[in-house]
Amino acid sequence: MMQPASICPERRPTIAVLEDDYPTLVLYHEIFDMEGFHAGIFDLNRDCYRFIRTCRPDLIILDIASEVDSGGRRLLERLIRDTGGVLPPLILATAIPPWHLTDIERTTLKHLRSHHTIKPKPFDVFDLIRTIHQLVRFPTPALAMSRK
């Protein structure tokens, strides 16, 4: 599943998402639509990579444990190589157990020069929305405030 990303938004906050789980893809689409974000939501690395390089999103959300197309970790490593680690804020959504994250932190995340946070799955939708607003400093709409 891929949301067309042929046009980059003019003024709407933009989020790039790589996720291989269909229900989570649908959830992201619904959340971002309600919040008024422009989101490029992809299940393949190459499509997400093109969107990131073309549209320069305000935030990137990667499923680093994705089993499709080598997962978000491979995409993250490519983006770090291309940019020297200077990326927009990043949320790593993952079902990887915390004890396995140390390898990723040691080998990949240490090269990031931008803010990143890890959201274990399953995550609280309202917490995710608040985190997005904090990372990118968007005005906070009512939905994000409703579960404080």
N, C-alpha and C. Protein backbone atom coordinates (compact mmCIF):
# COMPACT_ATOMS: atom_id res chain seq x y z
N MET A 1 0.84 -1.18 0.00
CA MET A 1 0.00 0.00 0.00
C MET A 1 0.88 1.23 0.00
N MET A 2 0.57 2.16 -0.84
CA MET A 2 1.33 3.39 -0.89
C MET A 2 0.39 4.54 -1.15
N GLN A 3 0.54 5.59 -0.37
CA GLN A 3 -0.22 6.79 -0.64
C GLN A 3 0.55 7.59 -1.68
N PRO A 4 -0.11 8.05 -2.75
CA PRO A 4 0.61 8.80 -3.77
C PRO A 4 1.33 10.00 -3.17
N ALA A 5 2.54 10.19 -3.59
CA ALA A 5 3.35 11.29 -3.07
C ALA A 5 3.87 12.15 -4.20
N SER A 6 3.06 12.34 -5.22
CA SER A 6 3.53 13.05 -6.39
C SER A 6 3.62 14.55 -6.17
N ILE A 7 2.86 15.08 -5.20
CA ILE A 7 2.87 16.51 -4.97
C ILE A 7 3.27 16.76 -3.52
N CYS A 8 4.29 17.58 -3.33
CA CYS A 8 4.69 17.95 -1.99
C CYS A 8 3.79 19.09 -1.52
N PRO A 9 3.42 19.09 -0.25
CA PRO A 9 2.52 20.12 0.24
C PRO A 9 3.19 21.48 0.30
N GLU A 10 2.39 22.55 0.20
CA GLU A 10 2.96 23.88 0.26
C GLU A 10 3.16 24.33 1.70
N ARG A 11 2.15 24.23 2.54
CA ARG A 11 2.23 24.76 3.89
C ARG A 11 1.87 23.77 4.98
N ARG A 12 1.36 22.62 4.64
CA ARG A 12 0.97 21.65 5.65
C ARG A 12 2.19 20.91 6.17
N PRO A 13 2.21 20.62 7.48
CA PRO A 13 3.31 19.81 8.02
C PRO A 13 3.35 18.47 7.30
N THR A 14 4.56 18.02 6.98
CA THR A 14 4.74 16.80 6.20
C THR A 14 5.43 15.72 7.02
N ILE A 15 4.88 14.51 6.93
CA ILE A 15 5.44 13.38 7.65
C ILE A 15 5.68 12.25 6.65
N ALA A 16 6.86 11.65 6.71
CA ALA A 16 7.17 10.47 5.91
C ALA A 16 7.10 9.25 6.83
N VAL A 17 6.40 8.20 6.37
CA VAL A 17 6.21 7.01 7.19
C VAL A 17 6.58 5.77 6.39
N LEU A 18 7.37 4.89 7.02
CA LEU A 18 7.65 3.57 6.46
C LEU A 18 7.11 2.56 7.45
N GLU A 19 6.16 1.76 6.99
CA GLU A 19 5.49 0.78 7.86
C GLU A 19 5.01 -0.38 7.00
N ASP A 20 5.22 -1.62 7.46
CA ASP A 20 4.78 -2.78 6.67
C ASP A 20 3.50 -3.42 7.19
N ASP A 21 3.03 -3.01 8.35
CA ASP A 21 1.83 -3.60 8.94
C ASP A 21 0.60 -2.83 8.45
N TYR A 22 -0.28 -3.51 7.70
CA TYR A 22 -1.41 -2.84 7.07
C TYR A 22 -2.32 -2.12 8.06
N PRO A 23 -2.74 -2.72 9.18
CA PRO A 23 -3.59 -1.99 10.12
C PRO A 23 -2.91 -0.72 10.66
N THR A 24 -1.60 -0.78 10.87
CA THR A 24 -0.88 0.40 11.35
C THR A 24 -0.81 1.46 10.25
N LEU A 25 -0.64 1.04 9.00
CA LEU A 25 -0.67 1.99 7.88
C LEU A 25 -2.00 2.73 7.84
N VAL A 26 -3.09 2.01 7.99
CA VAL A 26 -4.43 2.62 7.98
C VAL A 26 -4.58 3.58 9.15
N LEU A 27 -4.10 3.16 10.32
CA LEU A 27 -4.17 4.01 11.51
C LEU A 27 -3.41 5.32 11.28
N TYR A 28 -2.18 5.22 10.78
CA TYR A 28 -1.40 6.43 10.50
C TYR A 28 -2.16 7.34 9.53
N HIS A 29 -2.69 6.76 8.48
CA HIS A 29 -3.42 7.56 7.49
C HIS A 29 -4.57 8.32 8.15
N GLU A 30 -5.35 7.63 8.96
CA GLU A 30 -6.50 8.27 9.62
C GLU A 30 -6.05 9.36 10.60
N ILE A 31 -5.03 9.08 11.39
CA ILE A 31 -4.54 10.06 12.36
C ILE A 31 -4.05 11.31 11.64
N PHE A 32 -3.22 11.12 10.64
CA PHE A 32 -2.62 12.27 9.98
C PHE A 32 -3.64 13.07 9.20
N ASP A 33 -4.62 12.41 8.65
CA ASP A 33 -5.69 13.10 7.95
C ASP A 33 -6.48 13.97 8.94
N MET A 34 -6.83 13.40 10.10
CA MET A 34 -7.58 14.15 11.11
C MET A 34 -6.77 15.32 11.66
N GLU A 35 -5.46 15.15 11.78
CA GLU A 35 -4.60 16.19 12.33
C GLU A 35 -4.22 17.26 11.30
N GLY A 36 -4.54 17.02 10.04
CA GLY A 36 -4.25 18.01 9.00
C GLY A 36 -2.82 17.96 8.47
N PHE A 37 -2.13 16.85 8.67
CA PHE A 37 -0.78 16.69 8.15
C PHE A 37 -0.83 16.15 6.72
N HIS A 38 0.20 16.43 5.97
CA HIS A 38 0.40 15.75 4.70
C HIS A 38 1.34 14.60 5.01
N ALA A 39 0.93 13.39 4.67
CA ALA A 39 1.76 12.23 4.99
C ALA A 39 2.01 11.38 3.76
N GLY A 40 3.25 11.05 3.55
CA GLY A 40 3.63 10.04 2.57
C GLY A 40 3.79 8.76 3.36
N ILE A 41 2.89 7.81 3.15
CA ILE A 41 2.88 6.57 3.93
C ILE A 41 3.21 5.42 3.00
N PHE A 42 4.29 4.72 3.30
CA PHE A 42 4.83 3.73 2.37
C PHE A 42 5.12 2.41 3.06
N ASP A 43 5.11 1.34 2.26
CA ASP A 43 5.52 0.04 2.79
C ASP A 43 6.82 -0.44 2.14
N LEU A 44 7.38 0.34 1.24
CA LEU A 44 8.65 -0.01 0.60
C LEU A 44 9.69 1.09 0.81
N ASN A 45 10.92 0.66 1.12
CA ASN A 45 12.02 1.60 1.35
C ASN A 45 12.22 2.58 0.21
N ARG A 46 12.28 2.07 -1.01
CA ARG A 46 12.62 2.94 -2.14
C ARG A 46 11.60 4.06 -2.33
N ASP A 47 10.31 3.76 -2.12
CA ASP A 47 9.28 4.79 -2.27
C ASP A 47 9.37 5.82 -1.16
N CYS A 48 9.60 5.37 0.05
CA CYS A 48 9.74 6.28 1.18
C CYS A 48 11.00 7.14 1.01
N TYR A 49 12.07 6.52 0.55
CA TYR A 49 13.33 7.25 0.33
C TYR A 49 13.12 8.38 -0.68
N ARG A 50 12.46 8.08 -1.79
CA ARG A 50 12.19 9.11 -2.81
C ARG A 50 11.37 10.26 -2.24
N PHE A 51 10.36 9.92 -1.46
CA PHE A 51 9.52 10.94 -0.85
C PHE A 51 10.34 11.84 0.08
N ILE A 52 11.18 11.22 0.92
CA ILE A 52 12.01 11.99 1.86
C ILE A 52 12.96 12.90 1.11
N ARG A 53 13.62 12.39 0.08
CA ARG A 53 14.58 13.20 -0.67
C ARG A 53 13.90 14.30 -1.49
N THR A 54 12.67 14.06 -1.95
CA THR A 54 11.96 15.05 -2.77
C THR A 54 11.25 16.09 -1.92
N CYS A 55 10.53 15.66 -0.90
CA CYS A 55 9.65 16.56 -0.14
C CYS A 55 10.28 17.12 1.13
N ARG A 56 11.38 16.55 1.57
CA ARG A 56 12.03 17.02 2.78
C ARG A 56 11.02 17.19 3.92
N PRO A 57 10.51 16.08 4.45
CA PRO A 57 9.46 16.14 5.46
C PRO A 57 9.92 16.78 6.77
N ASP A 58 8.94 17.19 7.56
CA ASP A 58 9.21 17.78 8.88
C ASP A 58 9.49 16.71 9.92
N LEU A 59 9.07 15.48 9.65
CA LEU A 59 9.21 14.37 10.58
C LEU A 59 9.26 13.07 9.79
N ILE A 60 10.02 12.10 10.30
CA ILE A 60 10.09 10.78 9.69
C ILE A 60 9.72 9.75 10.76
N ILE A 61 8.84 8.81 10.38
CA ILE A 61 8.48 7.71 11.27
C ILE A 61 8.85 6.41 10.55
N LEU A 62 9.72 5.62 11.18
CA LEU A 62 10.17 4.37 10.56
C LEU A 62 9.87 3.18 11.45
N ASP A 63 9.35 2.14 10.83
CA ASP A 63 9.23 0.85 11.50
C ASP A 63 10.57 0.15 11.28
N ILE A 64 11.40 0.12 12.32
CA ILE A 64 12.73 -0.45 12.13
C ILE A 64 12.75 -1.95 12.17
N ALA A 65 11.61 -2.56 12.53
CA ALA A 65 11.56 -4.02 12.59
C ALA A 65 10.79 -4.60 11.41
N SER A 66 10.53 -3.80 10.42
CA SER A 66 9.77 -4.25 9.26
C SER A 66 10.46 -5.42 8.58
N GLU A 67 9.67 -6.40 8.20
CA GLU A 67 10.23 -7.56 7.50
C GLU A 67 10.16 -7.40 5.99
N VAL A 68 9.44 -6.40 5.53
CA VAL A 68 9.30 -6.14 4.10
C VAL A 68 10.42 -5.21 3.66
N ASP A 69 11.07 -5.53 2.57
CA ASP A 69 12.04 -4.62 1.96
C ASP A 69 13.18 -4.25 2.93
N SER A 70 13.56 -5.16 3.79
CA SER A 70 14.67 -5.00 4.75
C SER A 70 14.41 -4.02 5.87
N GLY A 71 13.23 -3.48 5.98
CA GLY A 71 12.86 -2.66 7.12
C GLY A 71 13.43 -1.26 7.13
N GLY A 72 12.96 -0.51 8.11
CA GLY A 72 13.34 0.88 8.25
C GLY A 72 14.78 1.09 8.66
N ARG A 73 15.38 0.08 9.26
CA ARG A 73 16.78 0.23 9.66
C ARG A 73 17.67 0.44 8.43
N ARG A 74 17.42 -0.31 7.38
CA ARG A 74 18.21 -0.16 6.15
C ARG A 74 18.00 1.24 5.54
N LEU A 75 16.75 1.70 5.55
CA LEU A 75 16.47 3.04 5.04
C LEU A 75 17.16 4.09 5.90
N LEU A 76 17.09 3.92 7.21
CA LEU A 76 17.75 4.87 8.10
C LEU A 76 19.25 4.92 7.86
N GLU A 77 19.86 3.76 7.69
CA GLU A 77 21.30 3.73 7.42
C GLU A 77 21.64 4.46 6.12
N ARG A 78 20.80 4.29 5.10
CA ARG A 78 21.02 4.99 3.82
C ARG A 78 20.87 6.50 3.98
N LEU A 79 19.85 6.91 4.71
CA LEU A 79 19.65 8.35 4.93
C LEU A 79 20.79 8.96 5.73
N ILE A 80 21.29 8.24 6.71
CA ILE A 80 22.43 8.73 7.49
C ILE A 80 23.66 8.88 6.60
N ARG A 81 23.90 7.90 5.74
CA ARG A 81 25.03 7.99 4.80
C ARG A 81 24.89 9.21 3.88
N ASP A 82 23.67 9.40 3.36
CA ASP A 82 23.43 10.49 2.41
C ASP A 82 23.52 11.87 3.03
N THR A 83 23.14 11.99 4.30
CA THR A 83 23.01 13.31 4.92
C THR A 83 24.02 13.59 6.01
N GLY A 84 24.88 12.62 6.30
CA GLY A 84 25.80 12.79 7.42
C GLY A 84 25.08 12.75 8.76
N GLY A 85 23.88 12.20 8.78
CA GLY A 85 23.13 12.07 10.03
C GLY A 85 22.24 13.25 10.36
N VAL A 86 22.24 14.25 9.47
CA VAL A 86 21.40 15.43 9.69
C VAL A 86 20.05 15.18 9.03
N LEU A 87 19.08 14.81 9.86
CA LEU A 87 17.74 14.46 9.38
C LEU A 87 16.70 15.24 10.18
N PRO A 88 15.48 15.27 9.68
CA PRO A 88 14.41 15.84 10.49
C PRO A 88 14.22 14.99 11.75
N PRO A 89 13.46 15.47 12.72
CA PRO A 89 13.17 14.61 13.88
C PRO A 89 12.65 13.26 13.41
N LEU A 90 12.93 12.25 14.20
CA LEU A 90 12.68 10.88 13.80
C LEU A 90 12.00 10.11 14.92
N ILE A 91 10.95 9.37 14.58
CA ILE A 91 10.32 8.44 15.51
C ILE A 91 10.56 7.04 14.98
N LEU A 92 11.15 6.21 15.81
CA LEU A 92 11.36 4.81 15.46
C LEU A 92 10.26 4.01 16.14
N ALA A 93 9.31 3.54 15.36
CA ALA A 93 8.21 2.73 15.88
C ALA A 93 8.62 1.28 15.72
N THR A 94 8.57 0.53 16.80
CA THR A 94 9.10 -0.82 16.70
C THR A 94 8.45 -1.79 17.69
N ALA A 95 8.39 -3.02 17.28
CA ALA A 95 7.97 -4.09 18.17
C ALA A 95 9.19 -4.86 18.67
N ILE A 96 10.37 -4.37 18.36
CA ILE A 96 11.60 -5.01 18.82
C ILE A 96 11.68 -4.88 20.34
N PRO A 97 11.96 -5.97 21.03
CA PRO A 97 12.10 -5.88 22.49
C PRO A 97 13.25 -4.93 22.87
N PRO A 98 13.11 -4.22 23.97
CA PRO A 98 14.12 -3.22 24.36
C PRO A 98 15.55 -3.76 24.42
N TRP A 99 15.73 -5.02 24.82
CA TRP A 99 17.09 -5.55 24.93
C TRP A 99 17.75 -5.73 23.57
N HIS A 100 16.98 -5.76 22.49
CA HIS A 100 17.56 -5.84 21.15
C HIS A 100 17.85 -4.46 20.56
N LEU A 101 17.33 -3.43 21.15
CA LEU A 101 17.55 -2.08 20.63
C LEU A 101 18.96 -1.58 20.87
N THR A 102 19.66 -2.14 21.84
CA THR A 102 21.01 -1.66 22.12
C THR A 102 21.93 -1.84 20.91
N ASP A 103 21.75 -2.91 20.15
CA ASP A 103 22.56 -3.09 18.94
C ASP A 103 22.29 -1.98 17.93
N ILE A 104 21.04 -1.63 17.73
CA ILE A 104 20.68 -0.56 16.80
C ILE A 104 21.21 0.77 17.31
N GLU A 105 21.10 1.02 18.60
CA GLU A 105 21.61 2.26 19.16
C GLU A 105 23.12 2.37 18.99
N ARG A 106 23.82 1.25 19.21
CA ARG A 106 25.27 1.25 19.08
C ARG A 106 25.73 1.45 17.64
N THR A 107 25.04 0.81 16.72
CA THR A 107 25.55 0.80 15.35
C THR A 107 24.94 1.87 14.44
N THR A 108 23.70 2.24 14.65
CA THR A 108 23.02 3.13 13.72
C THR A 108 22.69 4.49 14.34
N LEU A 109 22.00 4.49 15.45
CA LEU A 109 21.52 5.73 16.03
C LEU A 109 22.63 6.66 16.49
N LYS A 110 23.78 6.11 16.79
CA LYS A 110 24.89 6.96 17.26
C LYS A 110 25.33 7.95 16.16
N HIS A 111 24.98 7.69 14.91
CA HIS A 111 25.37 8.56 13.80
C HIS A 111 24.35 9.67 13.52
N LEU A 112 23.23 9.65 14.22
CA LEU A 112 22.22 10.68 14.01
C LEU A 112 22.63 11.98 14.67
N ARG A 113 22.41 13.08 13.97
CA ARG A 113 22.67 14.39 14.54
C ARG A 113 21.37 15.12 14.83
N SER A 114 20.27 14.43 14.67
CA SER A 114 18.96 15.03 14.91
C SER A 114 18.26 14.30 16.04
N HIS A 115 17.20 14.92 16.54
CA HIS A 115 16.46 14.32 17.65
C HIS A 115 15.72 13.07 17.17
N HIS A 116 15.73 12.05 18.00
CA HIS A 116 14.97 10.84 17.70
C HIS A 116 14.37 10.29 18.99
N THR A 117 13.30 9.58 18.83
CA THR A 117 12.66 8.92 19.95
C THR A 117 12.19 7.55 19.50
N ILE A 118 12.08 6.63 20.43
CA ILE A 118 11.63 5.27 20.12
C ILE A 118 10.26 5.07 20.74
N LYS A 119 9.33 4.59 19.94
CA LYS A 119 7.97 4.29 20.39
C LYS A 119 7.75 2.79 20.26
N PRO A 120 7.73 2.09 21.39
CA PRO A 120 7.45 0.65 21.32
C PRO A 120 6.00 0.40 20.87
N LYS A 121 5.82 -0.62 20.07
CA LYS A 121 4.48 -1.02 19.65
C LYS A 121 3.96 -2.08 20.61
N PRO A 122 2.71 -2.10 20.90
CA PRO A 122 1.69 -1.15 20.45
C PRO A 122 1.85 0.16 21.22
N PHE A 123 1.60 1.28 20.55
CA PHE A 123 1.73 2.58 21.19
C PHE A 123 0.36 3.20 21.40
N ASP A 124 0.31 4.11 22.35
CA ASP A 124 -0.90 4.87 22.62
C ASP A 124 -1.01 5.96 21.54
N VAL A 125 -2.12 5.99 20.84
CA VAL A 125 -2.31 6.91 19.71
C VAL A 125 -2.17 8.36 20.17
N PHE A 126 -2.75 8.70 21.31
CA PHE A 126 -2.70 10.08 21.77
C PHE A 126 -1.29 10.48 22.19
N ASP A 127 -0.54 9.52 22.75
CA ASP A 127 0.86 9.79 23.08
C ASP A 127 1.67 10.02 21.80
N LEU A 128 1.39 9.23 20.77
CA LEU A 128 2.07 9.42 19.49
C LEU A 128 1.80 10.81 18.93
N ILE A 129 0.55 11.23 18.95
CA ILE A 129 0.19 12.55 18.43
C ILE A 129 0.89 13.66 19.23
N ARG A 130 0.88 13.55 20.56
CA ARG A 130 1.57 14.56 21.38
C ARG A 130 3.07 14.58 21.05
N THR A 131 3.66 13.41 20.89
CA THR A 131 5.09 13.34 20.57
C THR A 131 5.37 14.02 19.23
N ILE A 132 4.54 13.77 18.24
CA ILE A 132 4.71 14.41 16.94
C ILE A 132 4.67 15.92 17.08
N HIS A 133 3.71 16.42 17.81
CA HIS A 133 3.59 17.88 17.99
C HIS A 133 4.77 18.45 18.76
N GLN A 134 5.31 17.70 19.71
CA GLN A 134 6.47 18.17 20.46
C GLN A 134 7.72 18.19 19.60
N LEU A 135 7.89 17.18 18.77
CA LEU A 135 9.10 17.09 17.95
C LEU A 135 9.14 18.15 16.86
N VAL A 136 7.99 18.47 16.32
CA VAL A 136 7.98 19.38 15.17
C VAL A 136 7.43 20.74 15.55
N ARG A 137 6.90 20.85 16.74
CA ARG A 137 6.36 22.11 17.25
C ARG A 137 5.23 22.66 16.38
N PHE A 138 4.32 21.77 16.02
CA PHE A 138 3.11 22.20 15.32
C PHE A 138 2.15 22.77 16.35
N PRO A 139 1.25 23.64 15.95
CA PRO A 139 0.17 24.01 16.87
C PRO A 139 -0.60 22.74 17.24
N THR A 140 -0.94 22.56 18.49
CA THR A 140 -1.58 21.34 18.94
C THR A 140 -3.09 21.41 18.79
N PRO A 141 -3.69 20.59 17.91
CA PRO A 141 -5.14 20.59 17.77
C PRO A 141 -5.81 19.84 18.92
N ALA A 142 -7.12 19.91 18.93
CA ALA A 142 -7.91 19.36 20.03
C ALA A 142 -7.70 17.87 20.24
N LEU A 143 -7.54 17.07 19.18
CA LEU A 143 -7.40 15.64 19.33
C LEU A 143 -6.18 15.28 20.17
N ALA A 144 -5.08 15.97 19.96
CA ALA A 144 -3.86 15.69 20.71
C ALA A 144 -4.02 16.09 22.17
N MET A 145 -4.82 17.08 22.44
CA MET A 145 -5.00 17.56 23.80
C MET A 145 -6.03 16.75 24.57
N SER A 146 -6.89 16.02 23.89
CA SER A 146 -8.04 15.40 24.52
C SER A 146 -7.69 14.28 25.50
N ARG A 147 -6.48 13.74 25.47
CA ARG A 147 -6.14 12.63 26.37
C ARG A 147 -4.95 12.96 27.27
N LYS A 148 -4.73 14.22 27.59
CA LYS A 148 -3.61 14.57 28.47
C LYS A 148 -3.80 14.10 29.85
